[in-house]
Amino acid sequence: MRRPFLVLLTALLVCVTACGSAVADGGPSGSGTPAATPYPTPSGGLGHRPSSPVKIALLSPASGAIVHGTSVLVRVSVTGGIVTPTLSAVVSPTKGHVHLYLNNQLIYMAYTLQQAITVKPGLEYTMYAEFVAQDHFPFDPRDVTPTIFFTVAPG
């Protein structure tokens, strides 16, 4: 009875750690604008992680863009690999998932290259995307887009 509980608890901790993230404190100016932070990294030693030839790019929104409305269409491109919905412990360097971070928080794990996300008028946002392996853990080195900044016009 106790062993299944420990296995479940361990699996839950691994999932929470894998999807955790660093949160910016508004930067030294205290302006409320997120400061650049290191990309979140799962803790607890993942062992050897494979490298990947895949390159991910964030196509839209463009950095510095002013977005109108309450949603923004996020588009990414993946070169040298494919995005797959399959979850697998057998890692292929050319198959994986896209993790999208809005204000340093994981907001979805897409099995597609575009998705509309909800935003609030009058706010500034940061965004970056990462191509991760089929087990949802990062490759080594990580395949992460540069962080972009955009503003949503007041309503």
N, C-alpha and C. Protein backbone atom coordinates (compact mmCIF):
# COMPACT_ATOMS: atom_id res chain seq x y z
N MET A 1 0.83 -1.19 0.00
CA MET A 1 0.00 0.00 0.00
C MET A 1 0.87 1.26 0.00
N ARG A 2 1.95 1.23 0.76
CA ARG A 2 2.80 2.42 0.86
C ARG A 2 3.64 2.64 -0.40
N ARG A 3 4.09 1.57 -1.03
CA ARG A 3 4.93 1.69 -2.22
C ARG A 3 4.21 2.41 -3.37
N PRO A 4 2.95 2.06 -3.71
CA PRO A 4 2.28 2.81 -4.79
C PRO A 4 2.14 4.29 -4.46
N PHE A 5 1.92 4.63 -3.20
CA PHE A 5 1.82 6.03 -2.80
C PHE A 5 3.14 6.75 -3.05
N LEU A 6 4.26 6.12 -2.67
CA LEU A 6 5.57 6.75 -2.88
C LEU A 6 5.89 6.91 -4.36
N VAL A 7 5.50 5.93 -5.18
CA VAL A 7 5.73 6.03 -6.61
C VAL A 7 4.91 7.19 -7.19
N LEU A 8 3.64 7.29 -6.78
CA LEU A 8 2.79 8.38 -7.24
C LEU A 8 3.33 9.74 -6.80
N LEU A 9 3.76 9.84 -5.56
CA LEU A 9 4.31 11.08 -5.04
C LEU A 9 5.58 11.47 -5.79
N THR A 10 6.44 10.52 -6.07
CA THR A 10 7.67 10.79 -6.81
C THR A 10 7.35 11.28 -8.22
N ALA A 11 6.40 10.62 -8.89
CA ALA A 11 6.01 11.04 -10.25
C ALA A 11 5.44 12.45 -10.23
N LEU A 12 4.63 12.76 -9.24
CA LEU A 12 4.05 14.10 -9.12
C LEU A 12 5.14 15.15 -8.92
N LEU A 13 6.11 14.86 -8.08
CA LEU A 13 7.21 15.81 -7.84
C LEU A 13 8.04 16.04 -9.10
N VAL A 14 8.28 14.97 -9.87
CA VAL A 14 9.02 15.12 -11.12
C VAL A 14 8.26 16.01 -12.08
N CYS A 15 6.95 15.80 -12.21
CA CYS A 15 6.13 16.62 -13.12
C CYS A 15 6.12 18.08 -12.70
N VAL A 16 5.93 18.33 -11.41
CA VAL A 16 5.89 19.70 -10.91
C VAL A 16 7.23 20.38 -11.12
N THR A 17 8.30 19.67 -10.85
CA THR A 17 9.64 20.23 -11.04
C THR A 17 9.90 20.52 -12.50
N ALA A 18 9.48 19.61 -13.40
CA ALA A 18 9.73 19.79 -14.83
C ALA A 18 8.98 20.98 -15.40
N CYS A 19 7.83 21.28 -14.87
CA CYS A 19 7.04 22.39 -15.41
C CYS A 19 7.16 23.66 -14.59
N GLY A 20 7.99 23.65 -13.57
CA GLY A 20 8.19 24.84 -12.75
C GLY A 20 8.96 25.88 -13.52
N SER A 21 8.97 27.08 -13.01
CA SER A 21 9.71 28.13 -13.71
C SER A 21 10.18 29.19 -12.74
N ALA A 22 11.14 29.96 -13.22
CA ALA A 22 11.63 31.09 -12.46
C ALA A 22 10.72 32.28 -12.71
N VAL A 23 10.46 33.08 -11.71
CA VAL A 23 9.59 34.24 -11.85
C VAL A 23 10.41 35.49 -11.59
N ALA A 24 10.29 36.45 -12.51
CA ALA A 24 11.02 37.71 -12.35
C ALA A 24 10.34 38.55 -11.28
N ASP A 25 11.10 39.36 -10.58
CA ASP A 25 10.55 40.19 -9.51
C ASP A 25 10.31 41.63 -9.94
N GLY A 26 10.30 41.87 -11.23
CA GLY A 26 10.07 43.24 -11.70
C GLY A 26 11.37 43.97 -11.98
N GLY A 27 12.50 43.31 -11.76
CA GLY A 27 13.77 43.92 -12.07
C GLY A 27 14.21 44.92 -11.02
N PRO A 28 15.44 45.41 -11.15
CA PRO A 28 15.98 46.32 -10.16
C PRO A 28 15.23 47.63 -10.07
N SER A 29 14.52 48.01 -11.14
CA SER A 29 13.80 49.27 -11.10
C SER A 29 12.48 49.15 -10.37
N GLY A 30 12.02 47.90 -10.15
CA GLY A 30 10.74 47.70 -9.49
C GLY A 30 9.59 48.18 -10.35
N SER A 31 9.81 48.28 -11.66
CA SER A 31 8.79 48.83 -12.56
C SER A 31 7.65 47.88 -12.84
N GLY A 32 7.79 46.63 -12.41
CA GLY A 32 6.77 45.65 -12.73
C GLY A 32 7.03 44.96 -14.05
N THR A 33 7.98 45.45 -14.83
CA THR A 33 8.35 44.79 -16.07
C THR A 33 9.28 43.65 -15.74
N PRO A 34 8.97 42.43 -16.20
CA PRO A 34 9.82 41.29 -15.87
C PRO A 34 11.26 41.50 -16.32
N ALA A 35 12.17 41.14 -15.46
CA ALA A 35 13.59 41.18 -15.80
C ALA A 35 13.95 39.88 -16.48
N ALA A 36 15.01 39.91 -17.27
CA ALA A 36 15.47 38.68 -17.89
C ALA A 36 15.91 37.72 -16.80
N THR A 37 15.47 36.48 -16.91
CA THR A 37 15.82 35.46 -15.93
C THR A 37 16.33 34.24 -16.65
N PRO A 38 17.10 33.41 -15.96
CA PRO A 38 17.54 32.18 -16.59
C PRO A 38 16.33 31.31 -16.91
N TYR A 39 16.45 30.50 -17.95
CA TYR A 39 15.37 29.60 -18.29
C TYR A 39 15.19 28.58 -17.17
N PRO A 40 13.96 28.22 -16.84
CA PRO A 40 13.73 27.27 -15.77
C PRO A 40 14.37 25.92 -16.12
N THR A 41 14.94 25.29 -15.14
CA THR A 41 15.60 24.01 -15.33
C THR A 41 15.10 23.03 -14.30
N PRO A 42 14.68 21.85 -14.73
CA PRO A 42 14.26 20.85 -13.75
C PRO A 42 15.40 20.56 -12.79
N SER A 43 15.07 20.40 -11.53
CA SER A 43 16.09 20.08 -10.54
C SER A 43 16.14 18.58 -10.33
N GLY A 44 17.17 18.12 -9.68
CA GLY A 44 17.25 16.71 -9.33
C GLY A 44 17.93 15.85 -10.36
N GLY A 45 18.89 16.35 -11.08
CA GLY A 45 19.72 15.55 -11.96
C GLY A 45 18.95 14.70 -12.96
N LEU A 46 18.92 15.10 -14.20
CA LEU A 46 18.25 14.33 -15.23
C LEU A 46 19.18 13.31 -15.86
N GLY A 47 20.43 13.31 -15.42
CA GLY A 47 21.39 12.43 -16.08
C GLY A 47 21.77 13.04 -17.42
N HIS A 48 22.31 12.22 -18.30
CA HIS A 48 22.74 12.71 -19.62
C HIS A 48 21.52 13.00 -20.48
N ARG A 49 21.48 14.19 -21.06
CA ARG A 49 20.41 14.55 -21.99
C ARG A 49 21.01 14.65 -23.38
N PRO A 50 20.30 14.13 -24.38
CA PRO A 50 20.82 14.19 -25.75
C PRO A 50 20.76 15.61 -26.30
N SER A 51 21.57 15.84 -27.32
CA SER A 51 21.49 17.12 -28.03
C SER A 51 20.49 16.95 -29.16
N SER A 52 20.11 18.07 -29.75
CA SER A 52 19.14 18.04 -30.85
C SER A 52 19.60 18.99 -31.94
N PRO A 53 19.45 18.58 -33.20
CA PRO A 53 19.78 19.49 -34.30
C PRO A 53 18.66 20.48 -34.60
N VAL A 54 17.51 20.33 -33.94
CA VAL A 54 16.34 21.16 -34.20
C VAL A 54 16.59 22.60 -33.78
N LYS A 55 16.07 23.53 -34.57
CA LYS A 55 16.12 24.96 -34.24
C LYS A 55 14.70 25.48 -34.21
N ILE A 56 14.36 26.17 -33.12
CA ILE A 56 13.04 26.74 -32.95
C ILE A 56 13.13 28.25 -33.07
N ALA A 57 12.13 28.86 -33.66
CA ALA A 57 12.09 30.33 -33.79
C ALA A 57 10.67 30.80 -33.46
N LEU A 58 10.58 31.93 -32.81
CA LEU A 58 9.30 32.56 -32.49
C LEU A 58 9.00 33.54 -33.61
N LEU A 59 7.97 33.28 -34.42
CA LEU A 59 7.64 34.09 -35.59
C LEU A 59 6.73 35.27 -35.26
N SER A 60 5.76 35.04 -34.38
CA SER A 60 4.88 36.13 -33.99
C SER A 60 4.32 35.86 -32.61
N PRO A 61 4.13 36.91 -31.84
CA PRO A 61 4.27 38.32 -32.22
C PRO A 61 5.74 38.71 -32.34
N ALA A 62 5.99 39.80 -33.03
CA ALA A 62 7.35 40.31 -33.16
C ALA A 62 7.74 41.05 -31.89
N SER A 63 9.02 41.04 -31.58
CA SER A 63 9.48 41.77 -30.41
C SER A 63 9.21 43.26 -30.61
N GLY A 64 8.64 43.88 -29.59
CA GLY A 64 8.31 45.30 -29.66
C GLY A 64 6.92 45.57 -30.21
N ALA A 65 6.21 44.53 -30.59
CA ALA A 65 4.89 44.70 -31.18
C ALA A 65 3.89 45.27 -30.18
N ILE A 66 2.91 45.99 -30.72
CA ILE A 66 1.76 46.43 -29.93
C ILE A 66 0.58 45.63 -30.44
N VAL A 67 0.02 44.82 -29.55
CA VAL A 67 -1.07 43.92 -29.89
C VAL A 67 -2.39 44.57 -29.49
N HIS A 68 -3.41 44.41 -30.31
CA HIS A 68 -4.74 44.95 -30.01
C HIS A 68 -5.69 43.80 -29.76
N GLY A 69 -6.55 43.95 -28.76
CA GLY A 69 -7.53 42.92 -28.46
C GLY A 69 -7.15 42.13 -27.22
N THR A 70 -7.82 41.01 -27.04
CA THR A 70 -7.59 40.20 -25.84
C THR A 70 -6.94 38.86 -26.14
N SER A 71 -6.50 38.68 -27.39
CA SER A 71 -5.75 37.47 -27.72
C SER A 71 -4.67 37.81 -28.73
N VAL A 72 -3.65 36.99 -28.75
CA VAL A 72 -2.56 37.17 -29.69
C VAL A 72 -2.26 35.79 -30.29
N LEU A 73 -2.05 35.75 -31.60
CA LEU A 73 -1.71 34.51 -32.27
C LEU A 73 -0.20 34.30 -32.17
N VAL A 74 0.18 33.25 -31.49
CA VAL A 74 1.60 32.92 -31.34
C VAL A 74 1.93 31.88 -32.41
N ARG A 75 2.98 32.16 -33.17
CA ARG A 75 3.44 31.23 -34.20
C ARG A 75 4.92 30.95 -34.00
N VAL A 76 5.29 29.68 -34.07
CA VAL A 76 6.68 29.27 -33.99
C VAL A 76 7.02 28.43 -35.21
N SER A 77 8.29 28.35 -35.52
CA SER A 77 8.73 27.44 -36.57
C SER A 77 9.76 26.48 -35.96
N VAL A 78 9.77 25.29 -36.49
CA VAL A 78 10.73 24.27 -36.07
C VAL A 78 11.42 23.76 -37.32
N THR A 79 12.74 23.85 -37.34
CA THR A 79 13.53 23.41 -38.48
C THR A 79 14.38 22.21 -38.06
N GLY A 80 14.33 21.16 -38.87
CA GLY A 80 15.16 19.99 -38.61
C GLY A 80 14.50 18.93 -37.74
N GLY A 81 13.21 19.10 -37.46
CA GLY A 81 12.51 18.12 -36.64
C GLY A 81 11.01 18.31 -36.75
N ILE A 82 10.28 17.54 -35.94
CA ILE A 82 8.82 17.64 -35.97
C ILE A 82 8.27 17.76 -34.56
N VAL A 83 7.12 18.43 -34.48
CA VAL A 83 6.38 18.52 -33.23
C VAL A 83 5.40 17.35 -33.23
N THR A 84 5.40 16.59 -32.17
CA THR A 84 4.56 15.40 -32.09
C THR A 84 3.75 15.40 -30.79
N PRO A 85 2.53 14.88 -30.82
CA PRO A 85 1.76 14.77 -29.59
C PRO A 85 2.14 13.55 -28.75
N THR A 86 3.02 12.72 -29.28
CA THR A 86 3.38 11.48 -28.60
C THR A 86 4.30 11.74 -27.43
N LEU A 87 3.92 11.21 -26.27
CA LEU A 87 4.77 11.25 -25.09
C LEU A 87 5.56 9.96 -25.05
N SER A 88 6.87 10.05 -24.87
CA SER A 88 7.70 8.85 -24.89
C SER A 88 8.94 9.04 -24.03
N ALA A 89 9.32 7.97 -23.35
CA ALA A 89 10.57 7.98 -22.59
C ALA A 89 11.75 7.69 -23.51
N VAL A 90 11.48 7.18 -24.71
CA VAL A 90 12.52 6.96 -25.72
C VAL A 90 12.65 8.25 -26.50
N VAL A 91 13.75 8.96 -26.25
CA VAL A 91 13.93 10.30 -26.78
C VAL A 91 14.59 10.27 -28.15
N SER A 92 13.95 10.93 -29.11
CA SER A 92 14.51 11.12 -30.44
C SER A 92 14.98 12.57 -30.52
N PRO A 93 16.18 12.82 -31.05
CA PRO A 93 16.66 14.20 -31.11
C PRO A 93 15.89 15.10 -32.08
N THR A 94 15.03 14.51 -32.94
CA THR A 94 14.30 15.31 -33.91
C THR A 94 12.79 15.31 -33.69
N LYS A 95 12.33 14.74 -32.59
CA LYS A 95 10.90 14.74 -32.26
C LYS A 95 10.72 15.34 -30.88
N GLY A 96 9.69 16.18 -30.76
CA GLY A 96 9.48 16.77 -29.45
C GLY A 96 8.25 17.64 -29.39
N HIS A 97 8.22 18.50 -28.39
CA HIS A 97 7.10 19.36 -28.09
C HIS A 97 7.59 20.80 -27.98
N VAL A 98 6.65 21.74 -28.09
CA VAL A 98 6.96 23.15 -27.89
C VAL A 98 6.42 23.57 -26.52
N HIS A 99 7.29 24.13 -25.71
CA HIS A 99 6.87 24.75 -24.45
C HIS A 99 6.91 26.25 -24.66
N LEU A 100 5.83 26.93 -24.33
CA LEU A 100 5.74 28.37 -24.49
C LEU A 100 5.66 29.01 -23.12
N TYR A 101 6.48 30.02 -22.91
CA TYR A 101 6.52 30.73 -21.63
C TYR A 101 6.07 32.17 -21.83
N LEU A 102 5.07 32.59 -21.05
CA LEU A 102 4.58 33.96 -21.06
C LEU A 102 4.90 34.54 -19.69
N ASN A 103 5.69 35.62 -19.67
CA ASN A 103 6.15 36.21 -18.40
C ASN A 103 6.80 35.15 -17.51
N ASN A 104 7.63 34.32 -18.12
CA ASN A 104 8.40 33.27 -17.45
C ASN A 104 7.55 32.18 -16.81
N GLN A 105 6.31 32.06 -17.23
CA GLN A 105 5.42 31.00 -16.75
C GLN A 105 5.04 30.10 -17.93
N LEU A 106 5.15 28.80 -17.75
CA LEU A 106 4.73 27.86 -18.79
C LEU A 106 3.22 27.99 -18.94
N ILE A 107 2.76 28.36 -20.14
CA ILE A 107 1.32 28.55 -20.32
C ILE A 107 0.67 27.45 -21.13
N TYR A 108 1.41 26.77 -21.98
CA TYR A 108 0.88 25.59 -22.62
C TYR A 108 2.01 24.76 -23.20
N MET A 109 1.70 23.53 -23.47
CA MET A 109 2.62 22.66 -24.16
C MET A 109 1.93 22.29 -25.46
N ALA A 110 2.31 22.96 -26.54
CA ALA A 110 1.58 22.82 -27.80
C ALA A 110 2.06 21.63 -28.61
N TYR A 111 1.12 21.00 -29.25
CA TYR A 111 1.44 19.95 -30.21
C TYR A 111 1.19 20.49 -31.61
N THR A 112 1.29 21.81 -31.73
CA THR A 112 1.08 22.52 -32.97
C THR A 112 2.08 23.68 -33.01
N LEU A 113 2.15 24.35 -34.14
CA LEU A 113 3.09 25.46 -34.29
C LEU A 113 2.44 26.83 -34.16
N GLN A 114 1.14 26.86 -33.89
CA GLN A 114 0.48 28.14 -33.63
C GLN A 114 -0.70 27.94 -32.70
N GLN A 115 -0.95 28.98 -31.91
CA GLN A 115 -2.06 28.94 -30.98
C GLN A 115 -2.36 30.35 -30.50
N ALA A 116 -3.64 30.66 -30.37
CA ALA A 116 -4.05 31.96 -29.82
C ALA A 116 -4.00 31.87 -28.30
N ILE A 117 -3.43 32.90 -27.68
CA ILE A 117 -3.39 32.96 -26.22
C ILE A 117 -4.08 34.23 -25.75
N THR A 118 -4.65 34.16 -24.57
CA THR A 118 -5.37 35.30 -24.00
C THR A 118 -4.39 36.26 -23.34
N VAL A 119 -4.59 37.55 -23.60
CA VAL A 119 -3.78 38.60 -23.00
C VAL A 119 -4.71 39.69 -22.46
N LYS A 120 -4.18 40.54 -21.59
CA LYS A 120 -4.97 41.61 -21.00
C LYS A 120 -4.52 42.96 -21.54
N PRO A 121 -5.47 43.79 -21.96
CA PRO A 121 -5.14 45.13 -22.47
C PRO A 121 -4.39 45.96 -21.43
N GLY A 122 -3.43 46.74 -21.93
CA GLY A 122 -2.68 47.66 -21.09
C GLY A 122 -1.47 47.06 -20.40
N LEU A 123 -1.16 45.80 -20.67
CA LEU A 123 -0.03 45.15 -20.00
C LEU A 123 1.11 44.87 -20.97
N GLU A 124 2.32 44.74 -20.40
CA GLU A 124 3.50 44.35 -21.16
C GLU A 124 3.78 42.89 -20.87
N TYR A 125 4.28 42.18 -21.89
CA TYR A 125 4.54 40.75 -21.76
C TYR A 125 5.93 40.40 -22.29
N THR A 126 6.48 39.31 -21.76
CA THR A 126 7.67 38.68 -22.33
C THR A 126 7.25 37.29 -22.76
N MET A 127 7.95 36.76 -23.76
CA MET A 127 7.61 35.43 -24.25
C MET A 127 8.85 34.77 -24.84
N TYR A 128 8.96 33.47 -24.63
CA TYR A 128 9.95 32.67 -25.34
C TYR A 128 9.40 31.26 -25.47
N ALA A 129 9.96 30.50 -26.40
CA ALA A 129 9.54 29.13 -26.64
C ALA A 129 10.75 28.22 -26.59
N GLU A 130 10.50 26.96 -26.28
CA GLU A 130 11.57 25.97 -26.21
C GLU A 130 11.11 24.68 -26.87
N PHE A 131 11.99 24.07 -27.65
CA PHE A 131 11.74 22.75 -28.21
C PHE A 131 12.31 21.75 -27.21
N VAL A 132 11.43 20.89 -26.69
CA VAL A 132 11.83 19.90 -25.69
C VAL A 132 11.60 18.50 -26.23
N ALA A 133 12.21 17.53 -25.59
CA ALA A 133 12.09 16.13 -26.01
C ALA A 133 10.69 15.60 -25.76
N GLN A 134 10.41 14.42 -26.27
CA GLN A 134 9.10 13.79 -26.12
C GLN A 134 8.76 13.46 -24.66
N ASP A 135 9.75 13.49 -23.79
CA ASP A 135 9.48 13.27 -22.36
C ASP A 135 9.25 14.59 -21.63
N HIS A 136 9.19 15.69 -22.38
CA HIS A 136 8.95 17.05 -21.88
C HIS A 136 10.13 17.64 -21.13
N PHE A 137 11.27 16.99 -21.15
CA PHE A 137 12.48 17.54 -20.53
C PHE A 137 13.34 18.16 -21.63
N PRO A 138 14.21 19.11 -21.28
CA PRO A 138 15.00 19.82 -22.29
C PRO A 138 16.12 18.97 -22.88
N PHE A 139 16.52 19.36 -24.07
CA PHE A 139 17.73 18.79 -24.67
C PHE A 139 18.93 19.49 -24.06
N ASP A 140 20.12 18.98 -24.33
CA ASP A 140 21.35 19.59 -23.84
C ASP A 140 22.31 19.74 -25.01
N PRO A 141 22.52 20.97 -25.51
CA PRO A 141 22.07 22.24 -24.95
C PRO A 141 20.60 22.48 -25.25
N ARG A 142 20.02 23.40 -24.48
CA ARG A 142 18.61 23.73 -24.64
C ARG A 142 18.39 24.47 -25.95
N ASP A 143 17.23 24.23 -26.57
CA ASP A 143 16.85 24.89 -27.82
C ASP A 143 15.75 25.90 -27.49
N VAL A 144 16.16 27.13 -27.19
CA VAL A 144 15.26 28.17 -26.70
C VAL A 144 15.36 29.40 -27.61
N THR A 145 14.22 30.00 -27.89
CA THR A 145 14.21 31.23 -28.69
C THR A 145 14.69 32.39 -27.82
N PRO A 146 15.13 33.46 -28.45
CA PRO A 146 15.37 34.69 -27.67
C PRO A 146 14.05 35.17 -27.08
N THR A 147 14.12 35.84 -25.95
CA THR A 147 12.92 36.40 -25.33
C THR A 147 12.47 37.61 -26.12
N ILE A 148 11.17 37.68 -26.38
CA ILE A 148 10.60 38.85 -27.05
C ILE A 148 9.73 39.60 -26.05
N PHE A 149 9.51 40.87 -26.34
CA PHE A 149 8.69 41.73 -25.49
C PHE A 149 7.58 42.31 -26.36
N PHE A 150 6.35 42.33 -25.87
CA PHE A 150 5.27 42.97 -26.59
C PHE A 150 4.30 43.62 -25.59
N THR A 151 3.54 44.56 -26.10
CA THR A 151 2.58 45.29 -25.27
C THR A 151 1.18 45.11 -25.85
N VAL A 152 0.20 45.01 -24.99
CA VAL A 152 -1.19 44.94 -25.42
C VAL A 152 -1.77 46.34 -25.22
N ALA A 153 -2.29 46.90 -26.30
CA ALA A 153 -2.84 48.27 -26.26
C ALA A 153 -3.99 48.34 -25.26
N PRO A 154 -4.13 49.48 -24.58
CA PRO A 154 -5.25 49.64 -23.66
C PRO A 154 -6.58 49.46 -24.39
N GLY A 155 -7.56 48.92 -23.67
CA GLY A 155 -8.87 48.60 -24.26
C GLY A 155 -9.73 49.76 -24.57
